[in-house]
Every structure is written in structure tokens, then in C-alpha cells.
Amino acid sequence: RVALVRGEAFFTVAKNAAQPFVVHANGVDVRAVGTAFNVRLDAAQVAVLVTEGRVQVTPPSPAAGPAVAELPLLEAGQQAVVAIGPGAPPPQVAALPAEAIARALAWQPRLLDFD
């Protein structure tokens, strides 16, 4: 379990169904088993971009009201954008073209590599 408190991070996760990898970003949980994905957190939203495999994104539950349902599994090439805060619109899921994925990941010169 990783807590992303600000900024952006790219994760490559080894497959291990017994120990799923979860990134928590401002109430949004991203659960992965054997995949690669990017999580970007800013003041208004959390964006999850999948480059390999599949991930499950669970939006935060509103303070008052019923729990929010999980989104469908995101596949490689898809992005989910989850708005944060009161009155936030529903999460948006879209397939991105290769050029948009390359632009979104252009920030990643490797600085730290944890094994």
C-alpha cells in the first residue's frame, strides 16, 4: 500500500494475486495485480493511466450519501479521471491514443527505482 500525497508516480507491479498493490491518492484507491500504471494527483482530481495490464479504480465515498461504486476495470491504453471534492462530477474513463499516452508519461526520467 502506497499513499501518494502529491504529484505523480509511475508504478510497475509484479503479478501476485495474494498481495495486491494499492495506491491511495486523496480518497481514490487504485488496485493492481501485475500491471504498469501512472497516478497523477492534483488539487481537483486524480488521473490514472494504464500502460500494461488492468487496474481497479475506486472513487472516494461522499461524506454524506451512499458509497460510490468501483469503475469498470481499466485496460492498457485507458485513463480514468476522478474529480475530488463536494459536487464533483462522476469519474470519466477514456481510451487514449498512443501520442497522448507518450505526452502524459514524458515527465519520467528515472530518478529512483525501488525493487
N, C-alpha and C. Protein backbone atom coordinates (compact mmCIF):
# COMPACT_ATOMS: atom_id res chain seq x y z
N ARG A 1 0.86 -1.18 0.00
CA ARG A 1 0.00 0.00 0.00
C ARG A 1 0.90 1.22 0.00
N VAL A 2 0.63 2.13 -0.95
CA VAL A 2 1.38 3.36 -1.09
C VAL A 2 0.40 4.53 -1.00
N ALA A 3 0.77 5.57 -0.27
CA ALA A 3 -0.04 6.79 -0.20
C ALA A 3 0.66 7.86 -1.02
N LEU A 4 0.00 8.31 -2.08
CA LEU A 4 0.51 9.40 -2.90
C LEU A 4 -0.12 10.68 -2.36
N VAL A 5 0.67 11.55 -1.77
CA VAL A 5 0.12 12.75 -1.14
C VAL A 5 0.18 13.97 -2.04
N ARG A 6 1.04 13.94 -3.06
CA ARG A 6 1.04 14.99 -4.07
C ARG A 6 1.89 14.55 -5.24
N GLY A 7 1.67 15.16 -6.39
CA GLY A 7 2.49 14.88 -7.55
C GLY A 7 2.04 13.69 -8.37
N GLU A 8 3.03 13.02 -8.94
CA GLU A 8 2.76 11.96 -9.91
C GLU A 8 3.78 10.85 -9.74
N ALA A 9 3.34 9.61 -9.96
CA ALA A 9 4.24 8.46 -9.84
C ALA A 9 3.82 7.39 -10.84
N PHE A 10 4.81 6.68 -11.36
CA PHE A 10 4.57 5.57 -12.28
C PHE A 10 4.97 4.28 -11.56
N PHE A 11 4.11 3.27 -11.64
CA PHE A 11 4.35 2.01 -10.93
C PHE A 11 4.36 0.85 -11.91
N THR A 12 5.32 -0.06 -11.76
CA THR A 12 5.35 -1.33 -12.47
C THR A 12 5.26 -2.39 -11.38
N VAL A 13 4.21 -3.20 -11.42
CA VAL A 13 3.90 -4.12 -10.32
C VAL A 13 4.01 -5.56 -10.80
N ALA A 14 4.75 -6.38 -10.05
CA ALA A 14 4.85 -7.81 -10.35
C ALA A 14 3.54 -8.50 -9.99
N LYS A 15 3.20 -9.52 -10.73
CA LYS A 15 1.95 -10.24 -10.50
C LYS A 15 2.04 -11.07 -9.22
N ASN A 16 1.11 -10.82 -8.29
CA ASN A 16 1.00 -11.57 -7.06
C ASN A 16 -0.42 -11.37 -6.53
N ALA A 17 -1.33 -12.25 -6.91
CA ALA A 17 -2.74 -12.12 -6.53
C ALA A 17 -2.95 -12.14 -5.02
N ALA A 18 -2.06 -12.79 -4.28
CA ALA A 18 -2.20 -12.87 -2.83
C ALA A 18 -1.87 -11.54 -2.15
N GLN A 19 -1.09 -10.69 -2.83
CA GLN A 19 -0.71 -9.41 -2.25
C GLN A 19 -0.92 -8.30 -3.28
N PRO A 20 -2.15 -7.83 -3.44
CA PRO A 20 -2.39 -6.77 -4.42
C PRO A 20 -1.68 -5.48 -4.00
N PHE A 21 -1.32 -4.70 -4.97
CA PHE A 21 -0.64 -3.42 -4.76
C PHE A 21 -1.70 -2.33 -4.85
N VAL A 22 -1.78 -1.46 -3.83
CA VAL A 22 -2.80 -0.42 -3.79
C VAL A 22 -2.13 0.94 -3.62
N VAL A 23 -2.51 1.89 -4.48
CA VAL A 23 -2.08 3.27 -4.34
C VAL A 23 -3.28 4.07 -3.87
N HIS A 24 -3.12 4.81 -2.78
CA HIS A 24 -4.19 5.63 -2.23
C HIS A 24 -3.83 7.09 -2.50
N ALA A 25 -4.71 7.82 -3.23
CA ALA A 25 -4.46 9.22 -3.57
C ALA A 25 -5.71 10.04 -3.30
N ASN A 26 -5.71 10.78 -2.21
CA ASN A 26 -6.81 11.67 -1.84
C ASN A 26 -8.17 10.97 -1.88
N GLY A 27 -8.25 9.80 -1.27
CA GLY A 27 -9.51 9.07 -1.19
C GLY A 27 -9.76 8.09 -2.32
N VAL A 28 -8.98 8.18 -3.40
CA VAL A 28 -9.13 7.28 -4.54
C VAL A 28 -8.16 6.12 -4.35
N ASP A 29 -8.67 4.88 -4.45
CA ASP A 29 -7.82 3.69 -4.37
C ASP A 29 -7.64 3.10 -5.76
N VAL A 30 -6.39 2.79 -6.10
CA VAL A 30 -6.04 2.14 -7.37
C VAL A 30 -5.41 0.82 -7.00
N ARG A 31 -6.07 -0.29 -7.38
CA ARG A 31 -5.62 -1.64 -7.02
C ARG A 31 -5.10 -2.34 -8.27
N ALA A 32 -3.89 -2.89 -8.17
CA ALA A 32 -3.27 -3.53 -9.32
C ALA A 32 -2.66 -4.87 -8.94
N VAL A 33 -2.70 -5.79 -9.87
CA VAL A 33 -2.01 -7.07 -9.72
C VAL A 33 -1.34 -7.34 -11.07
N GLY A 34 -0.03 -7.14 -11.14
CA GLY A 34 0.70 -7.41 -12.38
C GLY A 34 0.37 -6.42 -13.47
N THR A 35 0.84 -5.20 -13.36
CA THR A 35 0.50 -4.17 -14.33
C THR A 35 1.48 -3.00 -14.25
N ALA A 36 1.31 -2.04 -15.13
CA ALA A 36 2.07 -0.79 -15.09
C ALA A 36 1.08 0.35 -15.27
N PHE A 37 1.19 1.36 -14.42
CA PHE A 37 0.23 2.47 -14.48
C PHE A 37 0.81 3.73 -13.86
N ASN A 38 0.21 4.85 -14.21
CA ASN A 38 0.64 6.16 -13.72
C ASN A 38 -0.50 6.76 -12.92
N VAL A 39 -0.18 7.41 -11.80
CA VAL A 39 -1.17 8.11 -10.99
C VAL A 39 -0.71 9.55 -10.83
N ARG A 40 -1.58 10.50 -11.21
CA ARG A 40 -1.28 11.92 -11.04
C ARG A 40 -2.33 12.53 -10.13
N LEU A 41 -1.88 13.18 -9.06
CA LEU A 41 -2.77 13.80 -8.09
C LEU A 41 -2.56 15.30 -8.11
N ASP A 42 -3.65 16.05 -8.29
CA ASP A 42 -3.57 17.49 -8.10
C ASP A 42 -4.73 17.91 -7.21
N ALA A 43 -4.90 19.19 -7.00
CA ALA A 43 -5.89 19.68 -6.05
C ALA A 43 -7.32 19.30 -6.42
N ALA A 44 -7.62 19.15 -7.70
CA ALA A 44 -9.00 18.94 -8.13
C ALA A 44 -9.32 17.53 -8.60
N GLN A 45 -8.29 16.71 -8.88
CA GLN A 45 -8.57 15.39 -9.45
C GLN A 45 -7.42 14.42 -9.28
N VAL A 46 -7.75 13.13 -9.52
CA VAL A 46 -6.77 12.05 -9.59
C VAL A 46 -6.93 11.43 -10.98
N ALA A 47 -5.83 11.34 -11.72
CA ALA A 47 -5.84 10.73 -13.05
C ALA A 47 -5.02 9.45 -13.01
N VAL A 48 -5.60 8.35 -13.50
CA VAL A 48 -4.93 7.05 -13.53
C VAL A 48 -4.83 6.62 -14.98
N LEU A 49 -3.62 6.36 -15.46
CA LEU A 49 -3.36 5.95 -16.84
C LEU A 49 -2.71 4.57 -16.81
N VAL A 50 -3.32 3.60 -17.49
CA VAL A 50 -2.81 2.22 -17.51
C VAL A 50 -2.01 2.01 -18.79
N THR A 51 -0.77 1.50 -18.64
CA THR A 51 0.06 1.22 -19.81
C THR A 51 0.21 -0.27 -20.08
N GLU A 52 0.01 -1.09 -19.04
CA GLU A 52 0.04 -2.56 -19.19
C GLU A 52 -0.95 -3.16 -18.21
N GLY A 53 -1.56 -4.28 -18.59
CA GLY A 53 -2.45 -5.00 -17.68
C GLY A 53 -3.75 -4.26 -17.40
N ARG A 54 -4.26 -4.45 -16.18
CA ARG A 54 -5.53 -3.84 -15.77
C ARG A 54 -5.44 -3.37 -14.33
N VAL A 55 -6.19 -2.32 -14.00
CA VAL A 55 -6.28 -1.85 -12.63
C VAL A 55 -7.73 -1.55 -12.27
N GLN A 56 -8.03 -1.59 -10.98
CA GLN A 56 -9.35 -1.24 -10.47
C GLN A 56 -9.24 0.09 -9.76
N VAL A 57 -10.08 1.05 -10.14
CA VAL A 57 -10.10 2.37 -9.52
C VAL A 57 -11.38 2.50 -8.70
N THR A 58 -11.25 2.87 -7.44
CA THR A 58 -12.40 3.07 -6.56
C THR A 58 -12.43 4.52 -6.12
N PRO A 59 -13.42 5.31 -6.57
CA PRO A 59 -13.51 6.71 -6.16
C PRO A 59 -13.81 6.82 -4.67
N PRO A 60 -13.54 8.00 -4.08
CA PRO A 60 -13.85 8.18 -2.66
C PRO A 60 -15.35 8.20 -2.44
N SER A 61 -15.77 7.78 -1.25
CA SER A 61 -17.18 7.85 -0.89
C SER A 61 -17.50 9.27 -0.44
N PRO A 62 -18.65 9.81 -0.85
CA PRO A 62 -19.00 11.14 -0.38
C PRO A 62 -19.23 11.13 1.13
N ALA A 63 -18.99 12.27 1.78
CA ALA A 63 -19.15 12.37 3.23
C ALA A 63 -20.57 12.04 3.65
N ALA A 64 -21.53 12.48 2.86
CA ALA A 64 -22.94 12.18 3.15
C ALA A 64 -23.53 11.51 1.93
N GLY A 65 -23.99 10.33 2.11
CA GLY A 65 -24.60 9.64 0.98
C GLY A 65 -24.05 8.24 0.81
N PRO A 66 -24.58 7.53 -0.18
CA PRO A 66 -24.15 6.14 -0.39
C PRO A 66 -22.74 6.06 -0.95
N ALA A 67 -22.13 4.91 -0.75
CA ALA A 67 -20.79 4.68 -1.27
C ALA A 67 -20.81 4.72 -2.79
N VAL A 68 -19.70 5.18 -3.36
CA VAL A 68 -19.57 5.25 -4.81
C VAL A 68 -19.09 3.89 -5.31
N ALA A 69 -19.66 3.41 -6.39
CA ALA A 69 -19.27 2.11 -6.94
C ALA A 69 -17.91 2.20 -7.62
N GLU A 70 -17.22 1.07 -7.67
CA GLU A 70 -15.96 1.00 -8.40
C GLU A 70 -16.23 1.21 -9.87
N LEU A 71 -15.24 1.72 -10.57
CA LEU A 71 -15.32 1.86 -12.02
C LEU A 71 -15.05 0.50 -12.65
N PRO A 72 -15.41 0.32 -13.92
CA PRO A 72 -15.02 -0.92 -14.60
C PRO A 72 -13.49 -1.01 -14.60
N LEU A 73 -12.97 -2.23 -14.71
CA LEU A 73 -11.51 -2.39 -14.78
C LEU A 73 -10.95 -1.57 -15.93
N LEU A 74 -9.88 -0.84 -15.66
CA LEU A 74 -9.22 -0.07 -16.71
C LEU A 74 -8.22 -0.99 -17.41
N GLU A 75 -8.22 -0.95 -18.71
CA GLU A 75 -7.31 -1.74 -19.54
C GLU A 75 -6.15 -0.87 -20.00
N ALA A 76 -5.10 -1.50 -20.52
CA ALA A 76 -3.98 -0.76 -21.08
C ALA A 76 -4.48 0.21 -22.14
N GLY A 77 -4.00 1.45 -22.07
CA GLY A 77 -4.41 2.48 -23.01
C GLY A 77 -5.60 3.31 -22.55
N GLN A 78 -6.14 3.00 -21.37
CA GLN A 78 -7.27 3.75 -20.85
C GLN A 78 -6.83 4.64 -19.69
N GLN A 79 -7.58 5.74 -19.51
CA GLN A 79 -7.34 6.65 -18.41
C GLN A 79 -8.65 6.94 -17.70
N ALA A 80 -8.60 6.99 -16.38
CA ALA A 80 -9.75 7.41 -15.57
C ALA A 80 -9.36 8.71 -14.88
N VAL A 81 -10.28 9.68 -14.90
CA VAL A 81 -10.08 10.93 -14.19
C VAL A 81 -11.19 11.03 -13.16
N VAL A 82 -10.78 11.10 -11.88
CA VAL A 82 -11.73 11.15 -10.77
C VAL A 82 -11.62 12.53 -10.13
N ALA A 83 -12.69 13.33 -10.25
CA ALA A 83 -12.72 14.66 -9.63
C ALA A 83 -12.88 14.49 -8.12
N ILE A 84 -12.27 15.40 -7.38
CA ILE A 84 -12.28 15.34 -5.92
C ILE A 84 -13.06 16.54 -5.38
N GLY A 85 -13.80 16.31 -4.32
CA GLY A 85 -14.46 17.41 -3.63
C GLY A 85 -15.96 17.35 -3.73
N PRO A 86 -16.63 18.22 -2.96
CA PRO A 86 -18.09 18.23 -2.95
C PRO A 86 -18.64 18.63 -4.31
N GLY A 87 -19.68 17.95 -4.73
CA GLY A 87 -20.32 18.25 -6.01
C GLY A 87 -19.51 17.86 -7.22
N ALA A 88 -18.50 17.00 -7.02
CA ALA A 88 -17.64 16.58 -8.14
C ALA A 88 -18.44 15.78 -9.15
N PRO A 89 -18.15 15.97 -10.44
CA PRO A 89 -18.84 15.17 -11.46
C PRO A 89 -18.41 13.71 -11.38
N PRO A 90 -19.16 12.81 -12.02
CA PRO A 90 -18.77 11.40 -12.00
C PRO A 90 -17.42 11.19 -12.67
N PRO A 91 -16.71 10.12 -12.30
CA PRO A 91 -15.42 9.81 -12.94
C PRO A 91 -15.59 9.61 -14.45
N GLN A 92 -14.56 9.99 -15.18
CA GLN A 92 -14.55 9.87 -16.63
C GLN A 92 -13.51 8.84 -17.04
N VAL A 93 -13.88 7.91 -17.91
CA VAL A 93 -12.96 6.89 -18.43
C VAL A 93 -12.88 7.07 -19.94
N ALA A 94 -11.66 7.07 -20.47
CA ALA A 94 -11.48 7.25 -21.91
C ALA A 94 -10.27 6.44 -22.38
N ALA A 95 -10.33 5.99 -23.64
CA ALA A 95 -9.18 5.37 -24.29
C ALA A 95 -8.34 6.50 -24.87
N LEU A 96 -7.02 6.41 -24.69
CA LEU A 96 -6.13 7.45 -25.19
C LEU A 96 -5.31 6.94 -26.35
N PRO A 97 -5.09 7.78 -27.36
CA PRO A 97 -4.19 7.38 -28.46
C PRO A 97 -2.75 7.34 -27.96
N ALA A 98 -1.90 6.63 -28.68
CA ALA A 98 -0.50 6.45 -28.27
C ALA A 98 0.21 7.78 -28.07
N GLU A 99 -0.09 8.79 -28.89
CA GLU A 99 0.58 10.09 -28.76
C GLU A 99 0.22 10.75 -27.43
N ALA A 100 -1.03 10.65 -27.01
CA ALA A 100 -1.47 11.24 -25.74
C ALA A 100 -0.82 10.51 -24.56
N ILE A 101 -0.69 9.20 -24.66
CA ILE A 101 -0.03 8.43 -23.60
C ILE A 101 1.44 8.85 -23.49
N ALA A 102 2.12 8.97 -24.64
CA ALA A 102 3.53 9.38 -24.64
C ALA A 102 3.69 10.77 -24.02
N ARG A 103 2.79 11.70 -24.33
CA ARG A 103 2.86 13.04 -23.74
C ARG A 103 2.64 12.99 -22.23
N ALA A 104 1.68 12.17 -21.79
CA ALA A 104 1.38 12.08 -20.36
C ALA A 104 2.53 11.49 -19.56
N LEU A 105 3.32 10.63 -20.20
CA LEU A 105 4.42 9.96 -19.50
C LEU A 105 5.78 10.59 -19.78
N ALA A 106 5.82 11.69 -20.50
CA ALA A 106 7.09 12.32 -20.89
C ALA A 106 7.87 12.86 -19.69
N TRP A 107 7.24 13.00 -18.55
CA TRP A 107 7.88 13.54 -17.35
C TRP A 107 8.86 12.58 -16.71
N GLN A 108 8.86 11.29 -17.08
CA GLN A 108 9.51 10.26 -16.30
C GLN A 108 10.97 9.93 -16.53
N PRO A 109 11.88 10.85 -16.52
CA PRO A 109 13.25 10.36 -16.47
C PRO A 109 13.43 9.65 -15.14
N ARG A 110 14.08 8.51 -15.13
CA ARG A 110 14.18 7.73 -13.89
C ARG A 110 15.10 8.41 -12.90
N LEU A 111 14.55 8.70 -11.75
CA LEU A 111 15.33 9.28 -10.67
C LEU A 111 15.54 8.26 -9.56
N LEU A 112 14.48 7.53 -9.20
CA LEU A 112 14.55 6.49 -8.17
C LEU A 112 13.90 5.23 -8.72
N ASP A 113 14.50 4.11 -8.48
CA ASP A 113 13.96 2.83 -8.92
C ASP A 113 14.00 1.88 -7.73
N PHE A 114 12.83 1.54 -7.17
CA PHE A 114 12.76 0.67 -6.00
C PHE A 114 12.47 -0.76 -6.44
N ASP A 115 13.16 -1.73 -5.90
CA ASP A 115 12.95 -3.13 -6.24
C ASP A 115 12.61 -3.87 -4.96
